[in-house]
Every structure is written in structure tokens, then in C-alpha cells.
Amino acid sequence: MAVFMLVGLFMGLDSVELLVRFEKYFEVEVPDAVAETLSTPVDVAAWVSQYLSVPVEAISPSREVVERQLQTLFAEHAPVANTKLADLLPSGKVWARYAQWLADQISWQLPEIGWLRPPRARGWLNQLFKWATAITPPDPNSCYFADLIDWTLACNYEFLLTKPWQNQYEVLQAIIGITSDSSGVEVSEIKPDSRFVYDLGID
């Protein structure tokens, strides 16, 4: 394991631990000089994909599996890629019902979504942990079924996104899932270009 005397992104213990998790999951060793340049999930995905010779563009069987399963879950709405999530998940109660069904049927987790959480719980957690991030919760009118597919993959990366990875998209969703697990930020709030330090509050 490399000794991380890092500047830029990886300056604190939390960020070093996050990098170690990436290394363990993908079975790679990131050189110190490279680690200094990895400031977003898409940066990490690009480097890991290149290092492992994972193609940038290729079919993702895992994404197709998730899409089919979610289409079954929301069959009454006949969702397509541009179906608004506000139509599929109009309230926290609806989200909870679908989440329980998915967990009972195939042991997947439906991702947490910002506008469906109780505002009081979010504020209490922010005060407790003194989170200072630039995260903007997703806007229900600008999120779609395609986003839910991505978030579900990232949320269940340990089951759905294992080697051999088929393309850089799968690597990216796994990285978002690992970042979410490590930081406590929901996958729905982590964008490919979210900066680990300045946007996600990782030291």
C-alpha cells in the first residue's frame, strides 16, 4: 500500500480511507502523484477504467437488469427513461412502499431521495455532525427514471457492480456507491463531477 502524503484532494484521514476503499474494491494501487489529481468520482472512474483496461463505451448488463426490475416494480406507471420521478414517487409513503417491496423481493435497497425525507431529520443530522457541504438535494422536477436506475445501481454496488466491470459507467456507479457509504451522503446527491472535498465535505 502506498504511503499517502497527499495535497489537494486527499488531505485528511477520511479522504485517505476513501481512497483505500477504492483501491481494495477495484484491487488497484493508486500512485501518490495520481491520487493528487483525483478530485471527483468521474476522475477516479476514468483512472481505474484505464488502469484495468475497462472500456469506456460498452453495454452494461447490470444496468439492463436494474432497468427491467424497476420497470416491473413501477409497472402500473409504465416508466421510460424520461418519466419524471415526481410522478413515480410523489411522497415518502409511496417511496417506502416500493422500497419495502424491492427489499422483500430481491434484497435490493431503493436509494434515499432528498425530497422524500423528513426535513426535520435532515436538519438534526446536519446540526449533529456539523456538515458543511455544497450539496443541493435533487429537484423532483429535474430527475427521471433513468436517474433512479443509476442511483439504484450505485446503492447496491456490492451486489450488482463486481468484476469484471463491463464499462466505465459501471466503475463510476460503484465509486459513487462507495463514496456514499463512506461519507453518509446519499447516492442521489452525488454527481459524477461532485468534488470530494468542496462539494461532499470529505476532509
C-alpha atoms as a PDB file:
ATOM      1  CA  MET A   1       0.000   0.000   0.000  1.00  0.00           C
ATOM      2  CA  ALA A   2       1.331   3.378  -0.951  1.00  0.00           C
ATOM      3  CA  VAL A   3       2.116   5.910   1.741  1.00  0.00           C
ATOM      4  CA  PHE A   4      -0.204   8.826   1.187  1.00  0.00           C
ATOM      5  CA  MET A   5       1.486  12.181   1.745  1.00  0.00           C
ATOM      6  CA  LEU A   6      -1.136  13.974  -0.253  1.00  0.00           C
ATOM      7  CA  VAL A   7      -2.170  17.503  -1.067  1.00  0.00           C
ATOM      8  CA  GLY A   8      -5.206  18.796  -2.861  1.00  0.00           C
ATOM      9  CA  LEU A   9      -7.996  16.218  -2.568  1.00  0.00           C
ATOM     10  CA  PHE A  10      -6.589  13.646  -0.186  1.00  0.00           C
ATOM     11  CA  MET A  11      -5.547  15.769   2.786  1.00  0.00           C
ATOM     12  CA  GLY A  12      -7.391  14.201   5.724  1.00  0.00           C
ATOM     13  CA  LEU A  13      -7.892  10.783   7.254  1.00  0.00           C
ATOM     14  CA  ASP A  14     -11.393  10.475   5.827  1.00  0.00           C
ATOM     15  CA  SER A  15     -10.256  11.002   2.264  1.00  0.00           C
ATOM     16  CA  VAL A  16      -7.330   8.612   2.693  1.00  0.00           C
ATOM     17  CA  GLU A  17      -9.760   5.968   3.926  1.00  0.00           C
ATOM     18  CA  LEU A  18     -11.998   6.624   0.925  1.00  0.00           C
ATOM     19  CA  LEU A  19      -9.076   6.152  -1.445  1.00  0.00           C
ATOM     20  CA  VAL A  20      -8.130   2.911   0.323  1.00  0.00           C
ATOM     21  CA  ARG A  21     -11.694   1.666  -0.139  1.00  0.00           C
ATOM     22  CA  PHE A  22     -11.471   2.395  -3.853  1.00  0.00           C
ATOM     23  CA  GLU A  23      -8.169   0.526  -4.021  1.00  0.00           C
ATOM     24  CA  LYS A  24      -9.488  -2.510  -2.176  1.00  0.00           C
ATOM     25  CA  TYR A  25     -12.714  -2.715  -4.159  1.00  0.00           C
ATOM     26  CA  PHE A  26     -11.050  -2.469  -7.560  1.00  0.00           C
ATOM     27  CA  GLU A  27      -7.858  -4.243  -6.481  1.00  0.00           C
ATOM     28  CA  VAL A  28      -5.606  -1.429  -7.647  1.00  0.00           C
ATOM     29  CA  GLU A  29      -2.900   0.718  -6.081  1.00  0.00           C
ATOM     30  CA  VAL A  30      -3.134   4.412  -6.844  1.00  0.00           C
ATOM     31  CA  PRO A  31       0.247   6.194  -7.012  1.00  0.00           C
ATOM     32  CA  ASP A  32       0.571   9.274  -4.821  1.00  0.00           C
ATOM     33  CA  ALA A  33       1.060  11.562  -7.808  1.00  0.00           C
ATOM     34  CA  VAL A  34      -2.161  10.254  -9.369  1.00  0.00           C
ATOM     35  CA  ALA A  35      -4.129  10.497  -6.120  1.00  0.00           C
ATOM     36  CA  GLU A  36      -3.423  14.239  -6.019  1.00  0.00           C
ATOM     37  CA  THR A  37      -5.324  14.668  -9.292  1.00  0.00           C
ATOM     38  CA  LEU A  38      -8.456  12.683  -8.400  1.00  0.00           C
ATOM     39  CA  SER A  39     -10.941  15.252  -7.179  1.00  0.00           C
ATOM     40  CA  THR A  40     -14.279  13.816  -8.384  1.00  0.00           C
ATOM     41  CA  PRO A  41     -15.925  10.388  -8.851  1.00  0.00           C
ATOM     42  CA  VAL A  42     -15.564  10.645 -12.618  1.00  0.00           C
ATOM     43  CA  ASP A  43     -11.819  11.333 -12.223  1.00  0.00           C
ATOM     44  CA  VAL A  44     -11.437   8.146 -10.188  1.00  0.00           C
ATOM     45  CA  ALA A  45     -13.599   6.163 -12.625  1.00  0.00           C
ATOM     46  CA  ALA A  46     -11.538   7.295 -15.604  1.00  0.00           C
ATOM     47  CA  TRP A  47      -8.242   6.351 -13.936  1.00  0.00           C
ATOM     48  CA  VAL A  48      -9.476   2.976 -12.640  1.00  0.00           C
ATOM     49  CA  SER A  49     -11.009   2.129 -16.019  1.00  0.00           C
ATOM     50  CA  GLN A  50      -7.822   2.989 -17.857  1.00  0.00           C
ATOM     51  CA  TYR A  51      -5.679   1.080 -15.359  1.00  0.00           C
ATOM     52  CA  LEU A  52      -7.880  -2.031 -15.607  1.00  0.00           C
ATOM     53  CA  SER A  53      -8.496  -1.665 -19.363  1.00  0.00           C
ATOM     54  CA  VAL A  54     -12.231  -1.338 -18.823  1.00  0.00           C
ATOM     55  CA  PRO A  55     -13.860   0.040 -21.986  1.00  0.00           C
ATOM     56  CA  VAL A  56     -15.387   3.490 -21.884  1.00  0.00           C
ATOM     57  CA  GLU A  57     -18.334   2.605 -24.091  1.00  0.00           C
ATOM     58  CA  ALA A  58     -19.909  -0.835 -23.809  1.00  0.00           C
ATOM     59  CA  ILE A  59     -23.197  -2.435 -22.863  1.00  0.00           C
ATOM     60  CA  SER A  60     -23.836  -2.701 -19.134  1.00  0.00           C
ATOM     61  CA  PRO A  61     -25.733  -5.924 -18.380  1.00  0.00           C
ATOM     62  CA  SER A  62     -26.088  -4.812 -14.757  1.00  0.00           C
ATOM     63  CA  ARG A  63     -27.844  -1.630 -15.787  1.00  0.00           C
ATOM     64  CA  GLU A  64     -30.202  -3.600 -18.014  1.00  0.00           C
ATOM     65  CA  VAL A  65     -31.051  -5.923 -15.108  1.00  0.00           C
ATOM     66  CA  VAL A  66     -31.834  -2.978 -12.841  1.00  0.00           C
ATOM     67  CA  GLU A  67     -33.884  -1.231 -15.510  1.00  0.00           C
ATOM     68  CA  ARG A  68     -36.023  -4.337 -16.075  1.00  0.00           C
ATOM     69  CA  GLN A  69     -36.523  -4.864 -12.347  1.00  0.00           C
ATOM     70  CA  LEU A  70     -37.554  -1.254 -11.744  1.00  0.00           C
ATOM     71  CA  GLN A  71     -39.881  -1.347 -14.730  1.00  0.00           C
ATOM     72  CA  THR A  72     -41.534  -4.348 -13.100  1.00  0.00           C
ATOM     73  CA  LEU A  73     -41.665  -2.542  -9.767  1.00  0.00           C
ATOM     74  CA  PHE A  74     -43.339   0.515 -11.294  1.00  0.00           C
ATOM     75  CA  ALA A  75     -45.267  -1.410 -13.942  1.00  0.00           C
ATOM     76  CA  GLU A  76     -48.502   0.468 -13.289  1.00  0.00           C
ATOM     77  CA  HIS A  77     -46.770   3.676 -14.413  1.00  0.00           C
ATOM     78  CA  ALA A  78     -45.043   2.109 -17.471  1.00  0.00           C
ATOM     79  CA  PRO A  79     -41.899   4.171 -16.835  1.00  0.00           C
ATOM     80  CA  VAL A  80     -39.439   5.096 -19.575  1.00  0.00           C
ATOM     81  CA  ALA A  81     -36.099   6.890 -19.302  1.00  0.00           C
ATOM     82  CA  ASN A  82     -37.623  10.396 -19.207  1.00  0.00           C
ATOM     83  CA  THR A  83     -40.504   9.626 -16.825  1.00  0.00           C
ATOM     84  CA  LYS A  84     -40.301  12.180 -14.017  1.00  0.00           C
ATOM     85  CA  LEU A  85     -39.533  10.759 -10.590  1.00  0.00           C
ATOM     86  CA  ALA A  86     -42.046  13.176  -9.108  1.00  0.00           C
ATOM     87  CA  ASP A  87     -44.725  11.144 -10.920  1.00  0.00           C
ATOM     88  CA  LEU A  88     -43.339   7.777  -9.769  1.00  0.00           C
ATOM     89  CA  LEU A  89     -42.526   8.824  -6.195  1.00  0.00           C
ATOM     90  CA  PRO A  90     -44.844  11.658  -5.182  1.00  0.00           C
ATOM     91  CA  SER A  91     -44.380  11.154  -1.432  1.00  0.00           C
ATOM     92  CA  GLY A  92     -42.257   9.471   1.208  1.00  0.00           C
ATOM     93  CA  LYS A  93     -45.009   6.950   1.894  1.00  0.00           C
ATOM     94  CA  VAL A  94     -45.047   5.843  -1.735  1.00  0.00           C
ATOM     95  CA  TRP A  95     -41.241   5.594  -1.737  1.00  0.00           C
ATOM     96  CA  ALA A  96     -41.328   3.496   1.464  1.00  0.00           C
ATOM     97  CA  ARG A  97     -43.868   1.092  -0.010  1.00  0.00           C
ATOM     98  CA  TYR A  98     -41.816   0.487  -3.143  1.00  0.00           C
ATOM     99  CA  ALA A  99     -38.582   0.287  -1.137  1.00  0.00           C
ATOM    100  CA  GLN A 100     -40.021  -2.404   1.126  1.00  0.00           C
ATOM    101  CA  TRP A 101     -41.310  -4.385  -1.839  1.00  0.00           C
ATOM    102  CA  LEU A 102     -37.930  -4.289  -3.540  1.00  0.00           C
ATOM    103  CA  ALA A 103     -36.121  -5.322  -0.358  1.00  0.00           C
ATOM    104  CA  ASP A 104     -38.549  -8.189   0.249  1.00  0.00           C
ATOM    105  CA  GLN A 105     -38.445  -9.493  -3.309  1.00  0.00           C
ATOM    106  CA  ILE A 106     -34.775  -9.290  -4.253  1.00  0.00           C
ATOM    107  CA  SER A 107     -32.957  -7.784  -1.251  1.00  0.00           C
ATOM    108  CA  TRP A 108     -32.032  -4.574  -3.075  1.00  0.00           C
ATOM    109  CA  GLN A 109     -32.251  -1.150  -1.493  1.00  0.00           C
ATOM    110  CA  LEU A 110     -34.126   1.643  -3.204  1.00  0.00           C
ATOM    111  CA  PRO A 111     -31.944   4.748  -2.856  1.00  0.00           C
ATOM    112  CA  GLU A 112     -32.835   7.505  -0.432  1.00  0.00           C
ATOM    113  CA  ILE A 113     -34.037  10.633  -2.240  1.00  0.00           C
ATOM    114  CA  GLY A 114     -33.712  14.095  -0.727  1.00  0.00           C
ATOM    115  CA  TRP A 115     -37.176  15.497  -1.313  1.00  0.00           C
ATOM    116  CA  LEU A 116     -38.801  12.386   0.180  1.00  0.00           C
ATOM    117  CA  ARG A 117     -37.008  12.623   3.531  1.00  0.00           C
ATOM    118  CA  PRO A 118     -38.499  14.403   6.539  1.00  0.00           C
ATOM    119  CA  PRO A 119     -36.877  17.894   6.656  1.00  0.00           C
ATOM    120  CA  ARG A 120     -36.618  17.759  10.475  1.00  0.00           C
ATOM    121  CA  ALA A 121     -34.450  14.601  10.407  1.00  0.00           C
ATOM    122  CA  ARG A 122     -32.139  16.119   7.823  1.00  0.00           C
ATOM    123  CA  GLY A 123     -31.696  19.308   9.842  1.00  0.00           C
ATOM    124  CA  TRP A 124     -30.980  17.378  13.049  1.00  0.00           C
ATOM    125  CA  LEU A 125     -28.276  15.332  11.378  1.00  0.00           C
ATOM    126  CA  ASN A 126     -26.721  18.413   9.860  1.00  0.00           C
ATOM    127  CA  GLN A 127     -26.545  20.045  13.294  1.00  0.00           C
ATOM    128  CA  LEU A 128     -25.192  16.927  14.982  1.00  0.00           C
ATOM    129  CA  PHE A 129     -22.375  16.329  12.530  1.00  0.00           C
ATOM    130  CA  LYS A 130     -21.862  19.978  11.538  1.00  0.00           C
ATOM    131  CA  TRP A 131     -21.917  19.014   7.877  1.00  0.00           C
ATOM    132  CA  ALA A 132     -20.762  21.850   5.668  1.00  0.00           C
ATOM    133  CA  THR A 133     -21.177  20.787   2.084  1.00  0.00           C
ATOM    134  CA  ALA A 134     -22.254  22.319  -1.189  1.00  0.00           C
ATOM    135  CA  ILE A 135     -24.764  19.543  -1.807  1.00  0.00           C
ATOM    136  CA  THR A 136     -28.045  20.548  -3.370  1.00  0.00           C
ATOM    137  CA  PRO A 137     -30.784  17.933  -2.945  1.00  0.00           C
ATOM    138  CA  PRO A 138     -32.177  16.754  -6.259  1.00  0.00           C
ATOM    139  CA  ASP A 139     -35.072  18.690  -7.729  1.00  0.00           C
ATOM    140  CA  PRO A 140     -38.058  16.346  -8.188  1.00  0.00           C
ATOM    141  CA  ASN A 141     -38.928  18.072 -11.455  1.00  0.00           C
ATOM    142  CA  SER A 142     -35.491  17.527 -12.966  1.00  0.00           C
ATOM    143  CA  CYS A 143     -34.958  13.871 -12.004  1.00  0.00           C
ATOM    144  CA  TYR A 144     -36.094  10.980 -14.135  1.00  0.00           C
ATOM    145  CA  PHE A 145     -36.486   7.210 -14.187  1.00  0.00           C
ATOM    146  CA  ALA A 146     -33.040   6.985 -15.793  1.00  0.00           C
ATOM    147  CA  ASP A 147     -31.588   8.674 -12.706  1.00  0.00           C
ATOM    148  CA  LEU A 148     -33.330   6.170 -10.438  1.00  0.00           C
ATOM    149  CA  ILE A 149     -31.683   3.333 -12.387  1.00  0.00           C
ATOM    150  CA  ASP A 150     -28.253   4.890 -11.844  1.00  0.00           C
ATOM    151  CA  TRP A 151     -28.878   5.532  -8.142  1.00  0.00           C
ATOM    152  CA  THR A 152     -30.172   2.002  -7.593  1.00  0.00           C
ATOM    153  CA  LEU A 153     -27.037   0.559  -9.174  1.00  0.00           C
ATOM    154  CA  ALA A 154     -24.822   2.744  -7.004  1.00  0.00           C
ATOM    155  CA  CYS A 155     -26.850   1.989  -3.876  1.00  0.00           C
ATOM    156  CA  ASN A 156     -26.445  -1.766  -4.442  1.00  0.00           C
ATOM    157  CA  TYR A 157     -22.959  -1.738  -5.929  1.00  0.00           C
ATOM    158  CA  GLU A 158     -21.668  -4.580  -3.737  1.00  0.00           C
ATOM    159  CA  PHE A 159     -24.192  -6.967  -5.302  1.00  0.00           C
ATOM    160  CA  LEU A 160     -24.609  -5.525  -8.780  1.00  0.00           C
ATOM    161  CA  LEU A 161     -21.249  -3.999  -9.721  1.00  0.00           C
ATOM    162  CA  THR A 162     -18.480  -6.518  -9.237  1.00  0.00           C
ATOM    163  CA  LYS A 163     -15.671  -7.573 -11.520  1.00  0.00           C
ATOM    164  CA  PRO A 164     -15.355  -7.985 -14.377  1.00  0.00           C
ATOM    165  CA  TRP A 165     -16.689  -4.470 -14.904  1.00  0.00           C
ATOM    166  CA  GLN A 166     -18.142  -4.063 -18.362  1.00  0.00           C
ATOM    167  CA  ASN A 167     -17.615  -0.357 -18.890  1.00  0.00           C
ATOM    168  CA  GLN A 168     -16.592   2.897 -17.241  1.00  0.00           C
ATOM    169  CA  TYR A 169     -20.219   3.623 -16.345  1.00  0.00           C
ATOM    170  CA  GLU A 170     -20.275   0.588 -14.023  1.00  0.00           C
ATOM    171  CA  VAL A 171     -16.988   1.652 -12.438  1.00  0.00           C
ATOM    172  CA  LEU A 172     -18.396   5.138 -11.882  1.00  0.00           C
ATOM    173  CA  GLN A 173     -21.578   3.902 -10.220  1.00  0.00           C
ATOM    174  CA  ALA A 174     -19.535   1.669  -7.899  1.00  0.00           C
ATOM    175  CA  ILE A 175     -17.360   4.641  -6.975  1.00  0.00           C
ATOM    176  CA  ILE A 176     -20.455   6.718  -6.205  1.00  0.00           C
ATOM    177  CA  GLY A 177     -21.772   3.867  -4.045  1.00  0.00           C
ATOM    178  CA  ILE A 178     -18.502   3.552  -2.141  1.00  0.00           C
ATOM    179  CA  THR A 179     -18.386   7.329  -1.666  1.00  0.00           C
ATOM    180  CA  SER A 180     -21.928   7.294  -0.308  1.00  0.00           C
ATOM    181  CA  ASP A 181     -21.131   4.500   2.150  1.00  0.00           C
ATOM    182  CA  SER A 182     -18.027   6.321   3.353  1.00  0.00           C
ATOM    183  CA  SER A 183     -19.445   9.828   3.605  1.00  0.00           C
ATOM    184  CA  GLY A 184     -23.091   9.318   4.522  1.00  0.00           C
ATOM    185  CA  VAL A 185     -24.155  11.400   1.515  1.00  0.00           C
ATOM    186  CA  GLU A 186     -26.925   9.677  -0.420  1.00  0.00           C
ATOM    187  CA  VAL A 187     -26.145   8.428  -3.909  1.00  0.00           C
ATOM    188  CA  SER A 188     -28.887  10.669  -5.274  1.00  0.00           C
ATOM    189  CA  GLU A 189     -26.877  13.688  -4.113  1.00  0.00           C
ATOM    190  CA  ILE A 190     -23.506  12.613  -5.531  1.00  0.00           C
ATOM    191  CA  LYS A 191     -22.929  13.682  -9.119  1.00  0.00           C
ATOM    192  CA  PRO A 192     -20.115  12.351 -11.315  1.00  0.00           C
ATOM    193  CA  ASP A 193     -18.427  15.743 -11.099  1.00  0.00           C
ATOM    194  CA  SER A 194     -19.071  16.369  -7.375  1.00  0.00           C
ATOM    195  CA  ARG A 195     -15.815  17.400  -5.728  1.00  0.00           C
ATOM    196  CA  PHE A 196     -14.963  15.154  -2.796  1.00  0.00           C
ATOM    197  CA  VAL A 197     -13.629  17.996  -0.639  1.00  0.00           C
ATOM    198  CA  TYR A 198     -15.552  21.093  -1.625  1.00  0.00           C
ATOM    199  CA  ASP A 199     -18.934  19.570  -2.512  1.00  0.00           C
ATOM    200  CA  LEU A 200     -19.166  16.435  -0.376  1.00  0.00           C
ATOM    201  CA  GLY A 201     -17.340  17.691   2.711  1.00  0.00           C
ATOM    202  CA  ILE A 202     -14.785  14.859   2.800  1.00  0.00           C
ATOM    203  CA  ASP A 203     -11.704  16.100   4.665  1.00  0.00           C
END
